[in-house]
Amino acid sequence: MNNSALLELSRKLSFDVEGIVIDDVGLALEKPLAYFEKYKDRLDERCINETIEELAWISLVDVLLEHQLAFEIDWKETGPYVCDVVDELMDRKKLASIDWKEFESDHYSEMPTDEFLNHVAKKLGEAGVSLAYMDIDSDSYVLITVSTADLDEIKRLSEEAEVVISDSF
């Protein structure tokens, strides 16, 4: 893992809590045992019971989740719930709300989550926002919203840090 790339990625995703995010990720990078002890309960929920190579990546995911800058959904969530989650992510960053009326039909509510997420991403793209997910090798999606203008840089940094952020569901 490229520590400097992960820290820069952390800065890019931290919105208005940069200090908190950098502190958590830095602790996981520099003192993984101390991070593990501090967040043992949180890590236990992920069935992580010892320090792991991906600890700093998980620390970034968890601190973004804690500050509502990311939202973890199950791989089989329904359309209306996904729209509510995206609304919360947009609201947290004070971005304009989206009109989801076109997604209220049965056609969308019965659609597989990954396919539905692609439709949501397309709709967000019209507003200059990209929907992406942070891959934690799980049966869930850790969703984030980022400016479309920043997406390529975020994906480049994630690749350099040897983690995955993707906008392809």
Protein backbone atom coordinates (compact mmCIF):
# COMPACT_ATOMS: atom_id res chain seq x y z
CA MET A 1 0.00 0.00 0.00
CA ASN A 2 1.28 3.43 -0.94
CA ASN A 3 0.83 5.44 2.27
CA SER A 4 1.21 8.88 0.73
CA ALA A 5 -1.38 8.10 -1.98
CA LEU A 6 -3.80 6.77 0.64
CA LEU A 7 -3.36 9.91 2.74
CA GLU A 8 -3.93 12.14 -0.29
CA LEU A 9 -7.01 10.11 -1.20
CA SER A 10 -8.18 10.50 2.40
CA ARG A 11 -7.83 14.29 2.10
CA LYS A 12 -9.81 14.30 -1.15
CA LEU A 13 -12.68 12.35 0.40
CA SER A 14 -12.76 14.05 3.81
CA PHE A 15 -14.93 17.06 2.89
CA ASP A 16 -15.16 19.07 6.14
CA VAL A 17 -13.57 16.60 8.58
CA GLU A 18 -10.06 16.39 7.12
CA GLY A 19 -8.27 16.48 10.46
CA ILE A 20 -10.32 13.62 11.89
CA VAL A 21 -9.95 11.50 8.75
CA ILE A 22 -6.21 12.06 8.47
CA ASP A 23 -5.74 11.33 12.18
CA ASP A 24 -7.56 7.98 11.92
CA VAL A 25 -5.89 6.86 8.71
CA GLY A 26 -2.49 8.09 9.94
CA LEU A 27 -2.89 6.13 13.18
CA ALA A 28 -3.79 2.97 11.23
CA LEU A 29 -0.75 3.46 9.00
CA GLU A 30 1.79 4.42 11.67
CA LYS A 31 0.54 2.52 14.72
CA PRO A 32 -1.77 -0.27 13.59
CA LEU A 33 -1.88 -1.89 17.04
CA ALA A 34 -2.92 1.39 18.67
CA TYR A 35 -5.58 1.87 15.99
CA PHE A 36 -6.80 -1.67 16.50
CA GLU A 37 -7.11 -1.17 20.27
CA LYS A 38 -8.85 2.19 19.87
CA TYR A 39 -11.43 0.83 17.40
CA LYS A 40 -11.63 -2.80 18.51
CA ASP A 41 -15.45 -2.74 18.73
CA ARG A 42 -15.83 -1.20 15.26
CA LEU A 43 -13.41 -3.71 13.77
CA ASP A 44 -15.11 -6.57 15.58
CA GLU A 45 -18.32 -5.71 13.70
CA ARG A 46 -16.36 -6.39 10.51
CA CYS A 47 -15.01 -9.65 11.94
CA ILE A 48 -11.51 -8.18 12.05
CA ASN A 49 -9.87 -9.49 15.20
CA GLU A 50 -6.24 -8.67 14.48
CA THR A 51 -4.30 -6.08 12.52
CA ILE A 52 -4.52 -6.71 8.80
CA GLU A 53 -2.74 -5.33 5.77
CA GLU A 54 -5.86 -3.40 4.71
CA LEU A 55 -6.33 -1.76 8.12
CA ALA A 56 -5.64 1.78 6.90
CA TRP A 57 -8.11 1.32 4.01
CA ILE A 58 -10.77 0.03 6.42
CA SER A 59 -9.99 2.96 8.73
CA LEU A 60 -10.71 5.39 5.88
CA VAL A 61 -13.96 3.62 5.05
CA ASP A 62 -15.08 3.56 8.67
CA VAL A 63 -14.28 7.20 9.43
CA LEU A 64 -16.15 8.29 6.27
CA LEU A 65 -19.10 6.13 7.34
CA GLU A 66 -18.99 7.63 10.84
CA HIS A 67 -19.22 11.16 9.42
CA GLN A 68 -21.91 10.32 6.85
CA LEU A 69 -19.54 10.87 3.91
CA ALA A 70 -20.06 7.25 2.87
CA PHE A 71 -22.92 4.82 3.32
CA GLU A 72 -22.72 1.04 3.30
CA ILE A 73 -25.60 -0.83 1.69
CA ASP A 74 -26.23 -4.50 1.16
CA TRP A 75 -25.73 -5.84 -2.37
CA LYS A 76 -29.46 -6.50 -2.70
CA GLU A 77 -31.06 -3.26 -1.48
CA THR A 78 -34.20 -1.92 -3.11
CA GLY A 79 -34.38 1.15 -5.32
CA PRO A 80 -36.24 3.50 -2.94
CA TYR A 81 -33.77 2.80 -0.14
CA VAL A 82 -30.81 3.47 -2.45
CA CYS A 83 -32.36 6.81 -3.47
CA ASP A 84 -32.76 7.74 0.22
CA VAL A 85 -29.11 6.86 0.87
CA VAL A 86 -27.93 8.96 -2.06
CA ASP A 87 -30.11 11.85 -0.86
CA GLU A 88 -28.38 11.65 2.54
CA LEU A 89 -24.93 11.66 0.92
CA MET A 90 -25.89 14.63 -1.25
CA ASP A 91 -27.40 16.51 1.68
CA ARG A 92 -24.31 15.88 3.84
CA LYS A 93 -22.20 17.67 1.22
CA LYS A 94 -24.86 20.35 0.72
CA LEU A 95 -25.39 19.34 -2.91
CA ALA A 96 -28.65 19.91 -4.74
CA SER A 97 -31.27 17.24 -4.20
CA ILE A 98 -32.29 14.96 -7.04
CA ASP A 99 -35.82 14.31 -8.29
CA TRP A 100 -36.24 10.53 -8.15
CA LYS A 101 -39.81 10.36 -9.52
CA GLU A 102 -38.76 8.46 -12.63
CA PHE A 103 -37.33 5.71 -10.37
CA GLU A 104 -40.63 5.06 -8.54
CA SER A 105 -41.97 2.52 -11.04
CA ASP A 106 -42.06 -1.22 -10.37
CA HIS A 107 -39.54 -1.64 -13.18
CA TYR A 108 -36.88 0.04 -11.05
CA SER A 109 -37.92 -1.41 -7.69
CA GLU A 110 -37.49 -4.96 -9.00
CA MET A 111 -34.14 -4.25 -10.67
CA PRO A 112 -30.95 -5.84 -9.27
CA THR A 113 -29.05 -3.40 -7.07
CA ASP A 114 -25.97 -3.14 -9.29
CA GLU A 115 -28.10 -2.33 -12.33
CA PHE A 116 -30.13 0.20 -10.35
CA LEU A 117 -26.95 1.86 -9.06
CA ASN A 118 -25.84 2.40 -12.66
CA HIS A 119 -29.12 4.23 -13.39
CA VAL A 120 -28.70 6.34 -10.25
CA ALA A 121 -25.12 7.13 -11.25
CA LYS A 122 -26.27 8.28 -14.68
CA LYS A 123 -28.91 10.54 -13.09
CA LEU A 124 -26.33 12.02 -10.70
CA GLY A 125 -23.95 12.59 -13.60
CA GLU A 126 -26.48 15.02 -15.06
CA ALA A 127 -25.91 17.11 -11.90
CA GLY A 128 -22.10 16.89 -12.10
CA VAL A 129 -21.90 14.32 -9.31
CA SER A 130 -20.46 10.83 -9.54
CA LEU A 131 -21.65 7.88 -7.53
CA ALA A 132 -18.85 5.47 -6.69
CA TYR A 133 -18.11 2.74 -4.20
CA MET A 134 -15.17 1.85 -2.03
CA ASP A 135 -14.43 -1.86 -2.46
CA ILE A 136 -13.86 -3.59 0.88
CA ASP A 137 -14.08 -7.13 -0.51
CA SER A 138 -17.53 -7.64 0.96
CA ASP A 139 -21.08 -8.33 -0.17
CA SER A 140 -21.91 -4.67 0.32
CA TYR A 141 -21.35 -1.38 -1.45
CA VAL A 142 -19.73 1.48 0.43
CA LEU A 143 -21.21 4.35 -1.57
CA ILE A 144 -19.69 7.80 -1.90
CA THR A 145 -20.57 10.85 -3.94
CA VAL A 146 -17.84 12.98 -5.47
CA SER A 147 -17.66 15.76 -7.97
CA THR A 148 -17.46 14.35 -11.48
CA ALA A 149 -14.52 16.69 -12.04
CA ASP A 150 -12.63 14.96 -9.18
CA LEU A 151 -13.49 11.35 -10.03
CA ASP A 152 -10.51 10.58 -12.29
CA GLU A 153 -8.07 11.92 -9.70
CA ILE A 154 -9.76 9.92 -6.93
CA LYS A 155 -9.63 6.74 -9.02
CA ARG A 156 -5.97 7.41 -9.89
CA LEU A 157 -5.09 7.90 -6.21
CA SER A 158 -6.97 4.76 -5.23
CA GLU A 159 -5.09 2.76 -7.83
CA GLU A 160 -1.79 4.23 -6.63
CA ALA A 161 -2.75 3.38 -3.04
CA GLU A 162 -3.58 -0.18 -4.19
CA VAL A 163 -7.26 0.04 -3.16
CA VAL A 164 -10.37 0.18 -5.30
CA ILE A 165 -12.80 3.02 -5.81
CA SER A 166 -15.01 2.41 -8.80
CA ASP A 167 -17.98 4.01 -10.50
CA SER A 168 -18.80 0.80 -12.40
CA PHE A 169 -21.30 -1.26 -10.50
